[in-house]
Amino acid sequence: MYKVDLPVPDNSADVAVERRRAAEAARQARIFNTRHRVMGLDLKALEQQVAENKEREEMAGQRERAFDMLRVTQDKVLMKQQQEEEERRAELNRDLIQYRAIRQRAEDTRDADLNVHRQGALGLSIPIPESELGPASMQVFQGEGIGDNDKRRAQMEQTERALRAQREQSEKLQKENKLKELLKGKELVQQDLRAVQLDALEEECKRAGRIALNNYNHAQAAECVEKERKERMRKEGKEMAEVWHMVTSDILTECPKAAERQVDGGPVGGPRVLTDRWRGMSPVQLSAIRRQREEQRLEGKRLREIERQRDAAWDFQRMVQTREDDEEERKAMELKKEKRMEMDRYNEQLARDQREHQQFLSKTLYTNRPTAQYFTQFSSSSR
């Protein structure tokens, strides 16, 4: 019986699928949760991503190391199987040679008496004297077997040369096969070393990229903090300056002259008022304003009377126009009512056709209706 090495069950694919499902569920919980979803830079999420990437890379490295150990073990098992196969073949060849030497001798063949000298090789003796034997008892004739020994010797030499050539050819083929296997093994080793070197370089590049990304994120965070500090200090300084200006300005001193400003070129036009320091008007200014306001009130009353008369004329015109519009609208309503009744009859006919068509679809054409589970498969992923 041959040794059969059963393959070791590999659950890495199931583990990877479960890990991706868990990551997708966590991502959906994070994205679809409106209380936790914020705008801007999320340092906690970035740190979690960095930790997940490190864990994923560590697991990938462990998986690669496990694969390397599995490849080495399989190579050893394959080499052992090849060695056992060669030993079995050698043993079978020895058994075949021994069987031929014991069971397939030239002396045991049917025509051994024609190819081998009967008296010397087979050791046979005839008890009847040759003088009493007739022509029918003759087995060896004169002239037969001349040069038979030379022929057998030449045949043996030719057979030996053929066997030697076959043996040399077999040894040569075995050497070539061993050399090919050795070269193939060296090539596989070189490929494995190259793959390990490439993996190491890729890992180093990823590590450098992660370090650069972390440094960039820290620099951005520090820059944001510094900008916020400078903006806060600027606002505090501006507010303190405004408070100091309010305290030391003329607004709180109630100086009446602070609200007046002379115009360039002398007293022409009188002083101008500074609105941020003005404290009120004089009685003369108040009486002038009251007089002007009364004049404006009378003018507004006159304009309102004119507007009222114009509105009355327009109201009469609108009333006449409204009566005409009502008459036209009544006619239009009657026409619309007739069209509506005709449309209702047409829609009723369409509804009957639609119901018949729906009954044909639901009872004859479409018999498999989608269940609620069919609609739950949509909008269920965060991608």
Protein backbone atom coordinates (compact mmCIF):
# COMPACT_ATOMS: atom_id res chain seq x y z
CA MET A 1 0.00 0.00 0.00
CA TYR A 2 1.18 3.51 -0.80
CA LYS A 3 1.40 6.22 1.81
CA VAL A 4 -1.28 8.83 1.24
CA ASP A 5 -0.78 12.25 2.82
CA LEU A 6 -4.18 13.77 3.36
CA PRO A 7 -4.27 17.56 2.87
CA VAL A 8 -4.48 19.65 6.01
CA PRO A 9 -7.80 21.57 6.08
CA ASP A 10 -7.22 25.28 5.46
CA ASN A 11 -9.78 27.58 7.08
CA SER A 12 -7.99 30.81 6.15
CA ALA A 13 -10.57 31.66 3.46
CA ASP A 14 -13.48 31.31 5.92
CA VAL A 15 -11.61 33.39 8.50
CA ALA A 16 -10.92 36.10 5.90
CA VAL A 17 -14.60 36.15 4.85
CA GLU A 18 -15.75 36.47 8.48
CA ARG A 19 -13.21 39.26 9.08
CA ARG A 20 -14.43 41.20 6.04
CA ARG A 21 -18.05 40.74 7.12
CA ALA A 22 -17.25 42.08 10.60
CA ALA A 23 -15.39 45.06 9.09
CA GLU A 24 -18.33 45.80 6.76
CA ALA A 25 -20.79 45.63 9.67
CA ALA A 26 -18.63 48.01 11.73
CA ARG A 27 -18.34 50.37 8.76
CA GLN A 28 -22.11 50.39 8.22
CA ALA A 29 -22.70 51.04 11.93
CA ARG A 30 -20.23 53.93 11.79
CA ILE A 31 -21.52 55.48 8.53
CA PHE A 32 -25.28 55.03 9.04
CA ASN A 33 -25.20 56.36 12.63
CA THR A 34 -26.05 60.09 12.34
CA ARG A 35 -25.09 60.80 15.96
CA HIS A 36 -21.51 59.65 15.52
CA ARG A 37 -20.93 60.83 11.91
CA VAL A 38 -19.17 64.23 11.99
CA MET A 39 -17.43 66.48 9.48
CA GLY A 40 -13.69 67.09 9.52
CA LEU A 41 -10.66 65.13 10.68
CA ASP A 42 -11.50 62.15 12.91
CA LEU A 43 -8.27 61.27 14.74
CA LYS A 44 -9.89 58.36 16.56
CA ALA A 45 -11.02 56.80 13.28
CA LEU A 46 -7.58 57.38 11.74
CA GLU A 47 -5.86 55.72 14.71
CA GLN A 48 -8.28 52.81 14.46
CA GLN A 49 -7.53 52.50 10.73
CA VAL A 50 -3.78 52.50 11.46
CA ALA A 51 -4.24 49.78 14.09
CA GLU A 52 -6.41 47.73 11.72
CA ASN A 53 -3.84 48.09 8.93
CA LYS A 54 -1.05 46.95 11.28
CA GLU A 55 -3.12 43.98 12.41
CA ARG A 56 -4.01 43.10 8.81
CA GLU A 57 -0.34 43.30 7.76
CA GLU A 58 0.71 41.19 10.73
CA MET A 59 -1.87 38.56 9.83
CA ALA A 60 -0.72 38.67 6.20
CA GLY A 61 2.89 38.14 7.36
CA GLN A 62 1.85 35.21 9.54
CA ARG A 63 -0.11 33.74 6.64
CA GLU A 64 2.90 34.09 4.32
CA ARG A 65 5.17 32.46 6.89
CA ALA A 66 2.66 29.61 7.31
CA PHE A 67 2.53 29.22 3.52
CA ASP A 68 6.35 29.11 3.39
CA MET A 69 6.45 26.40 6.07
CA LEU A 70 3.72 24.49 4.21
CA ARG A 71 5.69 24.73 0.94
CA VAL A 72 8.87 23.47 2.64
CA THR A 73 6.94 20.58 4.19
CA GLN A 74 5.33 19.69 0.85
CA ASP A 75 8.72 19.82 -0.89
CA LYS A 76 10.18 17.46 1.71
CA VAL A 77 7.21 15.08 1.34
CA LEU A 78 7.56 15.19 -2.46
CA MET A 79 11.29 14.46 -2.30
CA LYS A 80 10.63 11.57 0.09
CA GLN A 81 7.94 10.17 -2.24
CA GLN A 82 10.30 10.43 -5.21
CA GLN A 83 13.04 8.61 -3.28
CA GLU A 84 10.60 5.86 -2.25
CA GLU A 85 9.42 5.57 -5.88
CA GLU A 86 13.01 5.16 -7.10
CA GLU A 87 13.67 2.51 -4.44
CA ARG A 88 10.50 0.63 -5.47
CA ARG A 89 11.54 0.74 -9.11
CA ALA A 90 15.03 -0.56 -8.28
CA GLU A 91 13.54 -3.38 -6.21
CA LEU A 92 11.13 -4.29 -9.04
CA ASN A 93 14.04 -4.36 -11.51
CA ARG A 94 16.03 -6.66 -9.22
CA ASP A 95 13.01 -8.95 -8.79
CA LEU A 96 12.51 -9.03 -12.58
CA ILE A 97 16.17 -9.92 -13.21
CA GLN A 98 16.02 -12.62 -10.54
CA TYR A 99 12.78 -14.01 -12.01
CA ARG A 100 14.29 -14.14 -15.49
CA ALA A 101 17.42 -15.83 -14.15
CA ILE A 102 15.36 -18.50 -12.34
CA ARG A 103 12.18 -18.97 -14.41
CA GLN A 104 13.24 -18.05 -17.95
CA ARG A 105 16.48 -19.95 -18.53
CA ALA A 106 17.59 -20.79 -22.03
CA GLU A 107 17.88 -24.49 -21.08
CA ASP A 108 14.14 -24.66 -20.23
CA THR A 109 12.88 -23.45 -23.62
CA ARG A 110 11.31 -25.71 -26.23
CA ASP A 111 14.05 -25.31 -28.80
CA ALA A 112 16.87 -25.77 -26.28
CA ASP A 113 17.93 -29.00 -28.03
CA LEU A 114 18.41 -27.10 -31.31
CA ASN A 115 20.50 -24.28 -29.88
CA VAL A 116 22.40 -26.02 -27.14
CA HIS A 117 24.68 -29.11 -27.57
CA ARG A 118 22.56 -32.02 -26.33
CA GLN A 119 25.23 -34.31 -24.93
CA GLY A 120 27.37 -31.67 -23.26
CA ALA A 121 24.89 -29.02 -22.15
CA LEU A 122 21.80 -31.09 -21.40
CA GLY A 123 23.68 -34.20 -20.26
CA LEU A 124 21.30 -36.62 -22.04
CA SER A 125 22.33 -40.24 -22.90
CA ILE A 126 20.65 -42.75 -25.12
CA PRO A 127 20.74 -46.34 -23.70
CA ILE A 128 20.20 -47.94 -27.16
CA PRO A 129 23.38 -48.41 -29.23
CA GLU A 130 23.70 -46.22 -32.30
CA SER A 131 24.11 -49.30 -34.55
CA GLU A 132 20.61 -50.42 -33.74
CA LEU A 133 19.06 -47.04 -34.44
CA GLY A 134 17.56 -46.32 -37.85
CA PRO A 135 17.40 -43.12 -39.94
CA ALA A 136 14.26 -41.99 -38.16
CA SER A 137 16.16 -41.86 -34.88
CA MET A 138 18.77 -39.39 -36.15
CA GLN A 139 18.74 -36.04 -34.32
CA VAL A 140 22.08 -34.51 -35.22
CA PHE A 141 23.14 -34.48 -38.88
CA GLN A 142 26.51 -33.98 -40.41
CA GLY A 143 27.30 -30.36 -41.12
CA GLU A 144 24.72 -29.10 -38.63
CA GLY A 145 25.88 -26.71 -35.93
CA ILE A 146 29.09 -25.65 -37.71
CA GLY A 147 30.16 -22.33 -36.21
CA ASP A 148 27.33 -22.48 -33.69
CA ASN A 149 29.62 -21.60 -30.80
CA ASP A 150 30.94 -18.53 -32.64
CA LYS A 151 27.40 -17.45 -33.45
CA ARG A 152 26.32 -17.85 -29.84
CA ARG A 153 29.39 -15.98 -28.68
CA ALA A 154 28.70 -13.17 -31.17
CA GLN A 155 25.06 -13.08 -30.14
CA MET A 156 26.01 -12.95 -26.47
CA GLU A 157 28.48 -10.17 -27.14
CA GLN A 158 25.87 -8.27 -29.16
CA THR A 159 23.31 -8.80 -26.40
CA GLU A 160 25.82 -7.68 -23.80
CA ARG A 161 26.64 -4.56 -25.85
CA ALA A 162 22.92 -3.80 -26.25
CA LEU A 163 22.36 -4.28 -22.53
CA ARG A 164 25.37 -2.13 -21.73
CA ALA A 165 24.14 0.58 -24.12
CA GLN A 166 20.67 0.41 -22.59
CA ARG A 167 22.14 0.59 -19.10
CA GLU A 168 24.31 3.56 -20.07
CA GLN A 169 21.34 5.24 -21.74
CA SER A 170 19.23 4.63 -18.62
CA GLU A 171 21.98 6.00 -16.36
CA LYS A 172 22.36 9.01 -18.64
CA LEU A 173 18.61 9.67 -18.56
CA GLN A 174 18.60 9.32 -14.78
CA LYS A 175 21.49 11.76 -14.49
CA GLU A 176 19.76 14.21 -16.82
CA ASN A 177 16.51 13.90 -14.85
CA LYS A 178 18.36 14.44 -11.57
CA LEU A 179 20.15 17.45 -13.07
CA LYS A 180 16.83 18.87 -14.32
CA GLU A 181 15.22 18.32 -10.93
CA LEU A 182 18.20 19.93 -9.22
CA LEU A 183 18.05 22.95 -11.58
CA LYS A 184 14.29 23.17 -11.10
CA GLY A 185 14.72 23.04 -7.32
CA LYS A 186 17.38 25.77 -7.49
CA GLU A 187 15.10 27.86 -9.68
CA LEU A 188 12.21 27.41 -7.24
CA VAL A 189 14.52 28.39 -4.36
CA GLN A 190 15.63 31.48 -6.31
CA GLN A 191 12.01 32.37 -7.03
CA ASP A 192 11.09 31.93 -3.36
CA LEU A 193 14.04 34.10 -2.30
CA ARG A 194 13.08 36.71 -4.88
CA ALA A 195 9.47 36.66 -3.66
CA VAL A 196 10.65 37.03 -0.05
CA GLN A 197 12.87 39.97 -1.04
CA LEU A 198 10.04 41.61 -2.97
CA ASP A 199 7.68 41.10 -0.03
CA ALA A 200 10.26 42.64 2.31
CA LEU A 201 10.70 45.64 -0.03
CA GLU A 202 6.95 46.05 -0.35
CA GLU A 203 6.55 45.86 3.42
CA GLU A 204 9.30 48.46 3.87
CA CYS A 205 7.62 50.78 1.34
CA LYS A 206 4.25 50.37 3.08
CA ARG A 207 5.88 51.05 6.46
CA ALA A 208 7.56 54.18 5.10
CA GLY A 209 4.24 55.33 3.58
CA ARG A 210 2.45 54.79 6.89
CA ILE A 211 5.13 56.71 8.78
CA ALA A 212 4.93 59.59 6.28
CA LEU A 213 1.12 59.61 6.48
CA ASN A 214 1.20 59.63 10.30
CA ASN A 215 3.73 62.47 10.30
CA TYR A 216 1.58 64.40 7.83
CA ASN A 217 -1.55 63.89 9.94
CA HIS A 218 0.26 64.97 13.12
CA ALA A 219 1.63 68.03 11.33
CA GLN A 220 -1.86 68.94 10.08
CA ALA A 221 -3.31 68.48 13.57
CA ALA A 222 -0.57 70.68 15.09
CA GLU A 223 -1.11 73.30 12.38
CA CYS A 224 -4.86 73.33 13.07
CA VAL A 225 -4.25 73.74 16.81
CA GLU A 226 -1.78 76.59 16.18
CA LYS A 227 -4.22 78.34 13.81
CA GLU A 228 -7.03 78.05 16.35
CA ARG A 229 -4.77 79.47 19.10
CA LYS A 230 -3.70 82.44 16.92
CA GLU A 231 -7.32 83.11 15.86
CA ARG A 232 -8.46 83.00 19.49
CA MET A 233 -5.67 85.39 20.55
CA ARG A 234 -6.53 87.75 17.65
CA LYS A 235 -10.22 87.80 18.60
CA GLU A 236 -9.38 88.38 22.28
CA GLY A 237 -7.03 91.24 21.35
CA LYS A 238 -9.63 92.81 19.06
CA GLU A 239 -12.32 92.54 21.75
CA MET A 240 -10.01 94.05 24.38
CA ALA A 241 -9.13 96.94 22.02
CA GLU A 242 -12.83 97.58 21.38
CA VAL A 243 -13.60 97.52 25.08
CA TRP A 244 -10.71 99.92 25.77
CA HIS A 245 -11.86 102.25 22.99
CA MET A 246 -15.43 102.26 24.34
CA VAL A 247 -14.20 103.06 27.83
CA THR A 248 -11.86 105.88 26.79
CA SER A 249 -13.98 107.41 23.94
CA ASP A 250 -16.39 110.38 24.14
CA ILE A 251 -19.45 108.14 23.88
CA LEU A 252 -19.48 107.50 27.61
CA THR A 253 -18.21 110.99 28.57
CA GLU A 254 -21.45 112.70 27.25
CA CYS A 255 -19.57 115.71 25.90
CA PRO A 256 -21.97 117.72 23.68
CA LYS A 257 -19.18 119.31 21.66
CA ALA A 258 -17.83 115.93 20.74
CA ALA A 259 -20.80 115.44 18.38
CA GLU A 260 -19.99 118.60 16.32
CA ARG A 261 -17.37 118.83 13.63
CA GLN A 262 -16.42 121.97 11.70
CA VAL A 263 -16.38 121.79 7.92
CA ASP A 264 -13.08 122.49 6.18
CA GLY A 265 -12.86 126.15 5.10
CA GLY A 266 -14.47 127.91 8.10
CA PRO A 267 -17.99 128.29 9.51
CA VAL A 268 -19.69 128.04 6.11
CA GLY A 269 -22.59 125.62 6.41
CA GLY A 270 -22.22 125.28 10.17
CA PRO A 271 -20.90 122.29 12.07
CA ARG A 272 -21.71 118.77 11.02
CA VAL A 273 -23.03 116.15 13.43
CA LEU A 274 -21.06 113.03 14.32
CA THR A 275 -23.69 110.36 14.67
CA ASP A 276 -21.71 108.22 17.06
CA ARG A 277 -21.47 111.14 19.56
CA TRP A 278 -24.80 112.95 19.03
CA ARG A 279 -27.00 113.39 22.17
CA GLY A 280 -30.19 114.98 20.78
CA MET A 281 -31.67 117.98 18.89
CA SER A 282 -32.35 121.53 20.04
CA PRO A 283 -35.96 122.97 20.44
CA VAL A 284 -35.61 124.98 17.21
CA GLN A 285 -34.74 121.85 15.32
CA LEU A 286 -37.67 120.00 16.94
CA SER A 287 -40.22 122.75 15.98
CA ALA A 288 -38.96 122.76 12.40
CA ILE A 289 -39.38 119.01 12.24
CA ARG A 290 -42.96 119.20 13.66
CA ARG A 291 -43.95 121.88 11.14
CA GLN A 292 -42.55 119.89 8.24
CA ARG A 293 -44.31 116.77 9.52
CA GLU A 294 -47.70 118.58 9.58
CA GLU A 295 -47.19 119.72 6.01
CA GLN A 296 -46.39 116.19 4.98
CA ARG A 297 -49.57 114.94 6.76
CA LEU A 298 -51.82 117.35 4.84
CA GLU A 299 -50.15 116.48 1.56
CA GLY A 300 -50.61 112.79 2.30
CA LYS A 301 -54.34 113.34 3.08
CA ARG A 302 -54.83 115.09 -0.26
CA LEU A 303 -53.04 112.33 -2.12
CA ARG A 304 -55.14 109.68 -0.33
CA GLU A 305 -58.38 111.40 -1.39
CA ILE A 306 -57.20 111.39 -5.02
CA GLU A 307 -56.23 107.74 -4.66
CA ARG A 308 -59.67 106.90 -3.17
CA GLN A 309 -61.50 108.45 -6.11
CA ARG A 310 -59.29 106.63 -8.58
CA ASP A 311 -59.86 103.35 -6.69
CA ALA A 312 -63.65 103.84 -6.85
CA ALA A 313 -63.48 104.27 -10.60
CA TRP A 314 -61.36 101.19 -10.89
CA ASP A 315 -63.76 99.23 -8.64
CA PHE A 316 -66.68 100.05 -10.89
CA GLN A 317 -64.69 99.03 -13.93
CA ARG A 318 -63.65 95.80 -12.23
CA MET A 319 -67.28 95.05 -11.27
CA VAL A 320 -68.36 95.32 -14.91
CA GLN A 321 -65.45 93.22 -16.01
CA THR A 322 -66.21 90.68 -13.27
CA ARG A 323 -69.77 90.22 -14.50
CA GLU A 324 -68.53 89.59 -18.00
CA ASP A 325 -65.90 87.20 -16.70
CA ASP A 326 -68.52 85.34 -14.63
CA GLU A 327 -70.68 84.84 -17.69
CA GLU A 328 -67.73 83.56 -19.71
CA GLU A 329 -66.65 81.36 -16.81
CA ARG A 330 -70.15 79.87 -16.53
CA LYS A 331 -70.10 78.97 -20.21
CA ALA A 332 -66.59 77.57 -19.84
CA MET A 333 -67.69 75.54 -16.79
CA GLU A 334 -70.57 74.03 -18.72
CA LEU A 335 -68.25 73.15 -21.59
CA LYS A 336 -65.70 71.80 -19.15
CA LYS A 337 -68.40 69.75 -17.40
CA GLU A 338 -69.39 68.16 -20.68
CA LYS A 339 -65.75 67.40 -21.51
CA ARG A 340 -65.25 66.04 -17.99
CA MET A 341 -68.21 63.69 -18.33
CA GLU A 342 -66.88 62.48 -21.66
CA MET A 343 -63.41 62.02 -20.14
CA ASP A 344 -64.90 60.15 -17.17
CA ARG A 345 -66.59 57.72 -19.53
CA TYR A 346 -63.33 57.28 -21.42
CA ASN A 347 -61.35 56.83 -18.16
CA GLU A 348 -63.88 54.30 -16.93
CA GLN A 349 -63.39 52.32 -20.13
CA LEU A 350 -59.58 52.56 -19.68
CA ALA A 351 -59.93 51.44 -16.05
CA ARG A 352 -61.91 48.39 -17.09
CA ASP A 353 -59.25 47.56 -19.70
CA GLN A 354 -56.52 48.12 -17.10
CA ARG A 355 -58.22 45.86 -14.55
CA GLU A 356 -58.61 43.14 -17.14
CA HIS A 357 -54.97 43.52 -18.13
CA GLN A 358 -53.85 43.45 -14.47
CA GLN A 359 -55.92 40.33 -13.83
CA PHE A 360 -54.31 38.73 -16.88
CA LEU A 361 -50.82 39.70 -15.59
CA SER A 362 -51.41 38.63 -11.98
CA LYS A 363 -53.38 35.44 -12.59
CA THR A 364 -52.05 34.23 -15.94
CA LEU A 365 -48.69 35.78 -16.85
CA TYR A 366 -46.95 36.64 -13.57
CA THR A 367 -47.43 33.96 -10.93
CA ASN A 368 -44.26 34.46 -8.84
CA ARG A 369 -44.55 37.59 -6.69
CA PRO A 370 -41.45 38.99 -4.90
CA THR A 371 -41.47 38.62 -1.14
CA ALA A 372 -40.30 41.14 1.45
CA GLN A 373 -36.93 39.41 1.63
CA TYR A 374 -36.28 40.30 -2.03
CA PHE A 375 -36.44 44.05 -1.27
CA THR A 376 -34.18 43.84 1.80
CA GLN A 377 -31.13 43.11 -0.34
CA PHE A 378 -31.01 46.69 -1.71
CA SER A 379 -29.34 49.66 0.08
CA SER A 380 -27.76 47.29 2.60
CA SER A 381 -24.08 48.05 1.92
CA SER A 382 -21.93 51.09 2.71
CA ARG A 383 -20.02 50.91 -0.60
